[in-house]
PDB file of N, CA and C in Angstrom:
ATOM      1  N   UNK A   1       3.996   2.073  11.143  1.00  0.00           N
ATOM      2  CA  UNK A   1       5.013   1.550  10.236  1.00  0.00           C
ATOM      3  C   UNK A   1       5.444   2.686   9.309  1.00  0.00           C
ATOM      4  N   UNK A   2       6.727   3.039   9.352  1.00  0.00           N
ATOM      5  CA  UNK A   2       7.233   4.120   8.518  1.00  0.00           C
ATOM      6  C   UNK A   2       7.168   3.753   7.046  1.00  0.00           C
ATOM      7  N   UNK A   3       7.710   2.601   6.702  1.00  0.00           N
ATOM      8  CA  UNK A   3       7.674   2.129   5.331  1.00  0.00           C
ATOM      9  C   UNK A   3       6.606   1.046   5.245  1.00  0.00           C
ATOM     10  N   UNK A   4       5.776   1.101   4.231  1.00  0.00           N
ATOM     11  CA  UNK A   4       4.682   0.141   4.090  1.00  0.00           C
ATOM     12  C   UNK A   4       5.141  -1.186   3.494  1.00  0.00           C
ATOM     13  N   UNK A   5       6.425  -1.301   3.151  1.00  0.00           N
ATOM     14  CA  UNK A   5       6.958  -2.528   2.555  1.00  0.00           C
ATOM     15  C   UNK A   5       7.893  -3.196   3.556  1.00  0.00           C
ATOM     16  N   UNK A   6       7.682  -4.503   3.814  1.00  0.00           N
ATOM     17  CA  UNK A   6       8.542  -5.206   4.769  1.00  0.00           C
ATOM     18  C   UNK A   6       9.811  -5.722   4.087  1.00  0.00           C
ATOM     19  N   UNK A   7      10.666  -6.405   4.837  1.00  0.00           N
ATOM     20  CA  UNK A   7      11.956  -6.873   4.326  1.00  0.00           C
ATOM     21  C   UNK A   7      11.823  -7.896   3.212  1.00  0.00           C
ATOM     22  N   UNK A   8      10.711  -8.636   3.185  1.00  0.00           N
ATOM     23  CA  UNK A   8      10.488  -9.634   2.137  1.00  0.00           C
ATOM     24  C   UNK A   8       9.823  -9.034   0.899  1.00  0.00           C
ATOM     25  N   UNK A   9       9.477  -7.748   0.954  1.00  0.00           N
ATOM     26  CA  UNK A   9       8.915  -7.062  -0.197  1.00  0.00           C
ATOM     27  C   UNK A   9       7.400  -6.990  -0.225  1.00  0.00           C
ATOM     28  N   UNK A  10       6.735  -7.445   0.829  1.00  0.00           N
ATOM     29  CA  UNK A  10       5.273  -7.405   0.846  1.00  0.00           C
ATOM     30  C   UNK A  10       4.783  -6.033   1.292  1.00  0.00           C
ATOM     31  N   UNK A  11       3.742  -5.559   0.623  1.00  0.00           N
ATOM     32  CA  UNK A  11       3.133  -4.278   0.943  1.00  0.00           C
ATOM     33  C   UNK A  11       2.153  -4.466   2.089  1.00  0.00           C
ATOM     34  N   UNK A  12       2.180  -3.559   3.062  1.00  0.00           N
ATOM     35  CA  UNK A  12       1.283  -3.611   4.212  1.00  0.00           C
ATOM     36  C   UNK A  12       0.237  -2.511   4.107  1.00  0.00           C
ATOM     37  N   UNK A  13      -0.951  -2.795   4.602  1.00  0.00           N
ATOM     38  CA  UNK A  13      -2.036  -1.827   4.613  1.00  0.00           C
ATOM     39  C   UNK A  13      -1.691  -0.689   5.567  1.00  0.00           C
ATOM     40  N   UNK A  14      -1.819   0.576   5.132  1.00  0.00           N
ATOM     41  CA  UNK A  14      -1.522   1.689   6.027  1.00  0.00           C
ATOM     42  C   UNK A  14      -2.560   1.861   7.142  1.00  0.00           C
ATOM     43  N   UNK A  15      -3.735   1.284   6.983  1.00  0.00           N
ATOM     44  CA  UNK A  15      -4.795   1.433   7.980  1.00  0.00           C
ATOM     45  C   UNK A  15      -4.713   0.366   9.071  1.00  0.00           C
ATOM     46  N   UNK A  16      -4.711  -0.923   8.669  1.00  0.00           N
ATOM     47  CA  UNK A  16      -4.737  -1.996   9.663  1.00  0.00           C
ATOM     48  C   UNK A  16      -3.362  -2.634   9.905  1.00  0.00           C
ATOM     49  N   UNK A  17      -2.411  -2.381   9.014  1.00  0.00           N
ATOM     50  CA  UNK A  17      -1.059  -2.904   9.187  1.00  0.00           C
ATOM     51  C   UNK A  17      -0.873  -4.344   8.723  1.00  0.00           C
ATOM     52  N   UNK A  18      -1.935  -4.987   8.255  1.00  0.00           N
ATOM     53  CA  UNK A  18      -1.830  -6.369   7.798  1.00  0.00           C
ATOM     54  C   UNK A  18      -1.108  -6.445   6.458  1.00  0.00           C
ATOM     55  N   UNK A  19      -0.413  -7.555   6.241  1.00  0.00           N
ATOM     56  CA  UNK A  19       0.294  -7.774   4.980  1.00  0.00           C
ATOM     57  C   UNK A  19      -0.708  -8.059   3.873  1.00  0.00           C
ATOM     58  N   UNK A  20      -0.550  -7.390   2.728  1.00  0.00           N
ATOM     59  CA  UNK A  20      -1.405  -7.636   1.578  1.00  0.00           C
ATOM     60  C   UNK A  20      -0.745  -8.671   0.674  1.00  0.00           C
ATOM     61  N   UNK A  21      -1.409  -9.038  -0.400  1.00  0.00           N
ATOM     62  CA  UNK A  21      -0.877 -10.038  -1.321  1.00  0.00           C
ATOM     63  C   UNK A  21       0.106  -9.431  -2.326  1.00  0.00           C
ATOM     64  N   UNK A  22       0.189  -8.099  -2.373  1.00  0.00           N
ATOM     65  CA  UNK A  22       1.072  -7.439  -3.324  1.00  0.00           C
ATOM     66  C   UNK A  22       2.513  -7.484  -2.840  1.00  0.00           C
ATOM     67  N   UNK A  23       3.382  -7.915  -3.734  1.00  0.00           N
ATOM     68  CA  UNK A  23       4.805  -7.943  -3.423  1.00  0.00           C
ATOM     69  C   UNK A  23       5.504  -6.931  -4.317  1.00  0.00           C
ATOM     70  N   UNK A  24       6.313  -6.078  -3.723  1.00  0.00           N
ATOM     71  CA  UNK A  24       6.952  -4.975  -4.426  1.00  0.00           C
ATOM     72  C   UNK A  24       8.451  -5.241  -4.535  1.00  0.00           C
ATOM     73  N   UNK A  25       8.969  -5.140  -5.767  1.00  0.00           N
ATOM     74  CA  UNK A  25      10.406  -5.296  -5.968  1.00  0.00           C
ATOM     75  C   UNK A  25      11.106  -3.971  -5.710  1.00  0.00           C
ATOM     76  N   UNK A  26      12.414  -4.025  -5.509  1.00  0.00           N
ATOM     77  CA  UNK A  26      13.199  -2.827  -5.206  1.00  0.00           C
ATOM     78  C   UNK A  26      13.148  -1.836  -6.370  1.00  0.00           C
ATOM     79  N   UNK A  27      13.073  -2.325  -7.600  1.00  0.00           N
ATOM     80  CA  UNK A  27      13.079  -1.442  -8.764  1.00  0.00           C
ATOM     81  C   UNK A  27      11.673  -1.036  -9.229  1.00  0.00           C
ATOM     82  N   UNK A  28      10.642  -1.298  -8.426  1.00  0.00           N
ATOM     83  CA  UNK A  28       9.264  -0.950  -8.779  1.00  0.00           C
ATOM     84  C   UNK A  28       9.031   0.551  -8.648  1.00  0.00           C
ATOM     85  N   UNK A  29       8.381   1.121  -9.661  1.00  0.00           N
ATOM     86  CA  UNK A  29       7.984   2.525  -9.644  1.00  0.00           C
ATOM     87  C   UNK A  29       6.477   2.591  -9.862  1.00  0.00           C
ATOM     88  N   UNK A  30       5.765   3.330  -9.031  1.00  0.00           N
ATOM     89  CA  UNK A  30       4.324   3.499  -9.193  1.00  0.00           C
ATOM     90  C   UNK A  30       3.930   4.853  -8.634  1.00  0.00           C
ATOM     91  N   UNK A  31       3.079   5.543  -9.371  1.00  0.00           N
ATOM     92  CA  UNK A  31       2.596   6.848  -8.945  1.00  0.00           C
ATOM     93  C   UNK A  31       1.084   6.775  -8.781  1.00  0.00           C
ATOM     94  N   UNK A  32       0.590   7.072  -7.594  1.00  0.00           N
ATOM     95  CA  UNK A  32      -0.825   7.020  -7.248  1.00  0.00           C
ATOM     96  C   UNK A  32      -1.432   5.660  -7.608  1.00  0.00           C
ATOM     97  N   UNK A  33      -0.791   4.603  -7.121  1.00  0.00           N
ATOM     98  CA  UNK A  33      -1.232   3.239  -7.377  1.00  0.00           C
ATOM     99  C   UNK A  33      -2.317   2.852  -6.372  1.00  0.00           C
ATOM    100  N   UNK A  34      -3.496   2.403  -6.856  1.00  0.00           N
ATOM    101  CA  UNK A  34      -4.567   2.023  -5.932  1.00  0.00           C
ATOM    102  C   UNK A  34      -4.328   0.631  -5.360  1.00  0.00           C
ATOM    103  N   UNK A  35      -4.109   0.543  -4.069  1.00  0.00           N
ATOM    104  CA  UNK A  35      -3.940  -0.766  -3.426  1.00  0.00           C
ATOM    105  C   UNK A  35      -5.163  -1.053  -2.571  1.00  0.00           C
ATOM    106  N   UNK A  36      -5.593  -2.306  -2.570  1.00  0.00           N
ATOM    107  CA  UNK A  36      -6.777  -2.720  -1.828  1.00  0.00           C
ATOM    108  C   UNK A  36      -6.371  -3.729  -0.770  1.00  0.00           C
ATOM    109  N   UNK A  37      -6.855  -3.550   0.445  1.00  0.00           N
ATOM    110  CA  UNK A  37      -6.595  -4.491   1.534  1.00  0.00           C
ATOM    111  C   UNK A  37      -7.819  -5.383   1.703  1.00  0.00           C
ATOM    112  N   UNK A  38      -7.660  -6.664   1.474  1.00  0.00           N
ATOM    113  CA  UNK A  38      -8.782  -7.598   1.604  1.00  0.00           C
ATOM    114  C   UNK A  38      -9.130  -7.857   3.068  1.00  0.00           C
ATOM    115  N   UNK A  39      -8.220  -7.539   3.987  1.00  0.00           N
ATOM    116  CA  UNK A  39      -8.467  -7.747   5.415  1.00  0.00           C
ATOM    117  C   UNK A  39      -9.465  -6.734   5.968  1.00  0.00           C
ATOM    118  N   UNK A  40      -9.228  -5.444   5.709  1.00  0.00           N
ATOM    119  CA  UNK A  40     -10.090  -4.403   6.286  1.00  0.00           C
ATOM    120  C   UNK A  40     -10.984  -3.719   5.261  1.00  0.00           C
ATOM    121  N   UNK A  41     -10.790  -4.001   3.978  1.00  0.00           N
ATOM    122  CA  UNK A  41     -11.639  -3.431   2.933  1.00  0.00           C
ATOM    123  C   UNK A  41     -11.289  -2.003   2.560  1.00  0.00           C
ATOM    124  N   UNK A  42     -10.167  -1.502   3.014  1.00  0.00           N
ATOM    125  CA  UNK A  42      -9.752  -0.134   2.704  1.00  0.00           C
ATOM    126  C   UNK A  42      -9.060  -0.088   1.352  1.00  0.00           C
ATOM    127  N   UNK A  43      -9.255   1.003   0.633  1.00  0.00           N
ATOM    128  CA  UNK A  43      -8.500   1.239  -0.588  1.00  0.00           C
ATOM    129  C   UNK A  43      -7.647   2.474  -0.354  1.00  0.00           C
ATOM    130  N   UNK A  44      -6.377   2.381  -0.703  1.00  0.00           N
ATOM    131  CA  UNK A  44      -5.443   3.486  -0.491  1.00  0.00           C
ATOM    132  C   UNK A  44      -4.661   3.737  -1.761  1.00  0.00           C
ATOM    133  N   UNK A  45      -4.283   4.985  -1.968  1.00  0.00           N
ATOM    134  CA  UNK A  45      -3.415   5.343  -3.086  1.00  0.00           C
ATOM    135  C   UNK A  45      -2.009   5.499  -2.525  1.00  0.00           C
ATOM    136  N   UNK A  46      -1.049   4.829  -3.145  1.00  0.00           N
ATOM    137  CA  UNK A  46       0.326   4.912  -2.683  1.00  0.00           C
ATOM    138  C   UNK A  46       1.258   5.249  -3.830  1.00  0.00           C
ATOM    139  N   UNK A  47       2.349   5.910  -3.497  1.00  0.00           N
ATOM    140  CA  UNK A  47       3.450   6.131  -4.425  1.00  0.00           C
ATOM    141  C   UNK A  47       4.563   5.189  -4.012  1.00  0.00           C
ATOM    142  N   UNK A  48       5.174   4.516  -4.994  1.00  0.00           N
ATOM    143  CA  UNK A  48       6.262   3.584  -4.715  1.00  0.00           C
ATOM    144  C   UNK A  48       7.494   4.042  -5.489  1.00  0.00           C
ATOM    145  N   UNK A  49       8.598   4.237  -4.754  1.00  0.00           N
ATOM    146  CA  UNK A  49       9.837   4.695  -5.350  1.00  0.00           C
ATOM    147  C   UNK A  49      11.005   4.196  -4.502  1.00  0.00           C
ATOM    148  N   UNK A  50      11.996   3.623  -5.144  1.00  0.00           N
ATOM    149  CA  UNK A  50      13.214   3.150  -4.472  1.00  0.00           C
ATOM    150  C   UNK A  50      12.932   2.155  -3.344  1.00  0.00           C
ATOM    151  N   UNK A  51      11.967   1.270  -3.532  1.00  0.00           N
ATOM    152  CA  UNK A  51      11.668   0.250  -2.540  1.00  0.00           C
ATOM    153  C   UNK A  51      10.917   0.747  -1.323  1.00  0.00           C
ATOM    154  N   UNK A  52      10.362   1.947  -1.401  1.00  0.00           N
ATOM    155  CA  UNK A  52       9.585   2.509  -0.295  1.00  0.00           C
ATOM    156  C   UNK A  52       8.221   2.952  -0.813  1.00  0.00           C
ATOM    157  N   UNK A  53       7.208   2.779   0.018  1.00  0.00           N
ATOM    158  CA  UNK A  53       5.846   3.170  -0.342  1.00  0.00           C
ATOM    159  C   UNK A  53       5.399   4.308   0.561  1.00  0.00           C
ATOM    160  N   UNK A  54       4.730   5.281  -0.034  1.00  0.00           N
ATOM    161  CA  UNK A  54       4.250   6.446   0.699  1.00  0.00           C
ATOM    162  C   UNK A  54       2.753   6.587   0.460  1.00  0.00           C
ATOM    163  N   UNK A  55       1.992   6.738   1.516  1.00  0.00           N
ATOM    164  CA  UNK A  55       0.545   6.893   1.428  1.00  0.00           C
ATOM    165  C   UNK A  55       0.196   8.256   0.836  1.00  0.00           C
ATOM    166  N   UNK A  56      -0.730   8.251  -0.157  1.00  0.00           N
ATOM    167  CA  UNK A  56      -1.199   9.490  -0.757  1.00  0.00           C
ATOM    168  C   UNK A  56      -2.604   9.783  -0.258  1.00  0.00           C
ATOM    169  N   UNK A  57      -3.546   8.835  -0.446  1.00  0.00           N
ATOM    170  CA  UNK A  57      -4.947   9.001  -0.063  1.00  0.00           C
ATOM    171  C   UNK A  57      -5.477   7.667   0.422  1.00  0.00           C
ATOM    172  N   UNK A  58      -6.377   7.704   1.402  1.00  0.00           N
ATOM    173  CA  UNK A  58      -7.010   6.489   1.893  1.00  0.00           C
ATOM    174  C   UNK A  58      -8.507   6.729   2.013  1.00  0.00           C
ATOM    175  N   UNK A  59      -9.317   5.694   1.718  1.00  0.00           N
ATOM    176  CA  UNK A  59     -10.764   5.821   1.810  1.00  0.00           C
ATOM    177  C   UNK A  59     -11.340   4.681   2.633  1.00  0.00           C
ATOM    178  N   UNK A  60     -12.534   4.912   3.183  1.00  0.00           N
ATOM    179  CA  UNK A  60     -13.256   3.884   3.920  1.00  0.00           C
ATOM    180  C   UNK A  60     -13.929   2.952   2.937  1.00  0.00           C
ATOM    181  N   UNK A  61     -14.502   1.867   3.445  1.00  0.00           N
ATOM    182  CA  UNK A  61     -15.242   0.919   2.607  1.00  0.00           C
ATOM    183  C   UNK A  61     -16.332   1.650   1.845  1.00  0.00           C
ATOM    184  N   UNK A  62     -16.370   1.422   0.533  1.00  0.00           N
ATOM    185  CA  UNK A  62     -17.398   2.020  -0.292  1.00  0.00           C
ATOM    186  C   UNK A  62     -17.211   3.503  -0.557  1.00  0.00           C
ATOM    187  N   UNK A  63     -16.114   4.059  -0.085  1.00  0.00           N
ATOM    188  CA  UNK A  63     -15.865   5.486  -0.291  1.00  0.00           C
ATOM    189  C   UNK A  63     -15.349   5.770  -1.689  1.00  0.00           C
ATOM    190  N   UNK A  64     -15.316   7.020  -2.043  1.00  0.00           N
ATOM    191  CA  UNK A  64     -14.827   7.436  -3.348  1.00  0.00           C
ATOM    192  C   UNK A  64     -13.571   8.257  -3.144  1.00  0.00           C
ATOM    193  N   UNK A  65     -12.561   7.990  -3.975  1.00  0.00           N
ATOM    194  CA  UNK A  65     -11.315   8.732  -3.879  1.00  0.00           C
ATOM    195  C   UNK A  65     -11.466  10.122  -4.448  1.00  0.00           C
TER     196      UNK A  65
END
């Protein structure tokens, strides 16, 4: 998935691709935002700008960023 945000605004996990509970608006700005996927247990850092999310860092379960 090129963009981690779908057409309805839901953020998807960059590791497993499942939809998370976070919904991102078009005007949302975030720099190094920690997102957690409850499906696979991964934590990822993402940058959000202009309705698009970009992966910065990803860690395994129990890992440290």
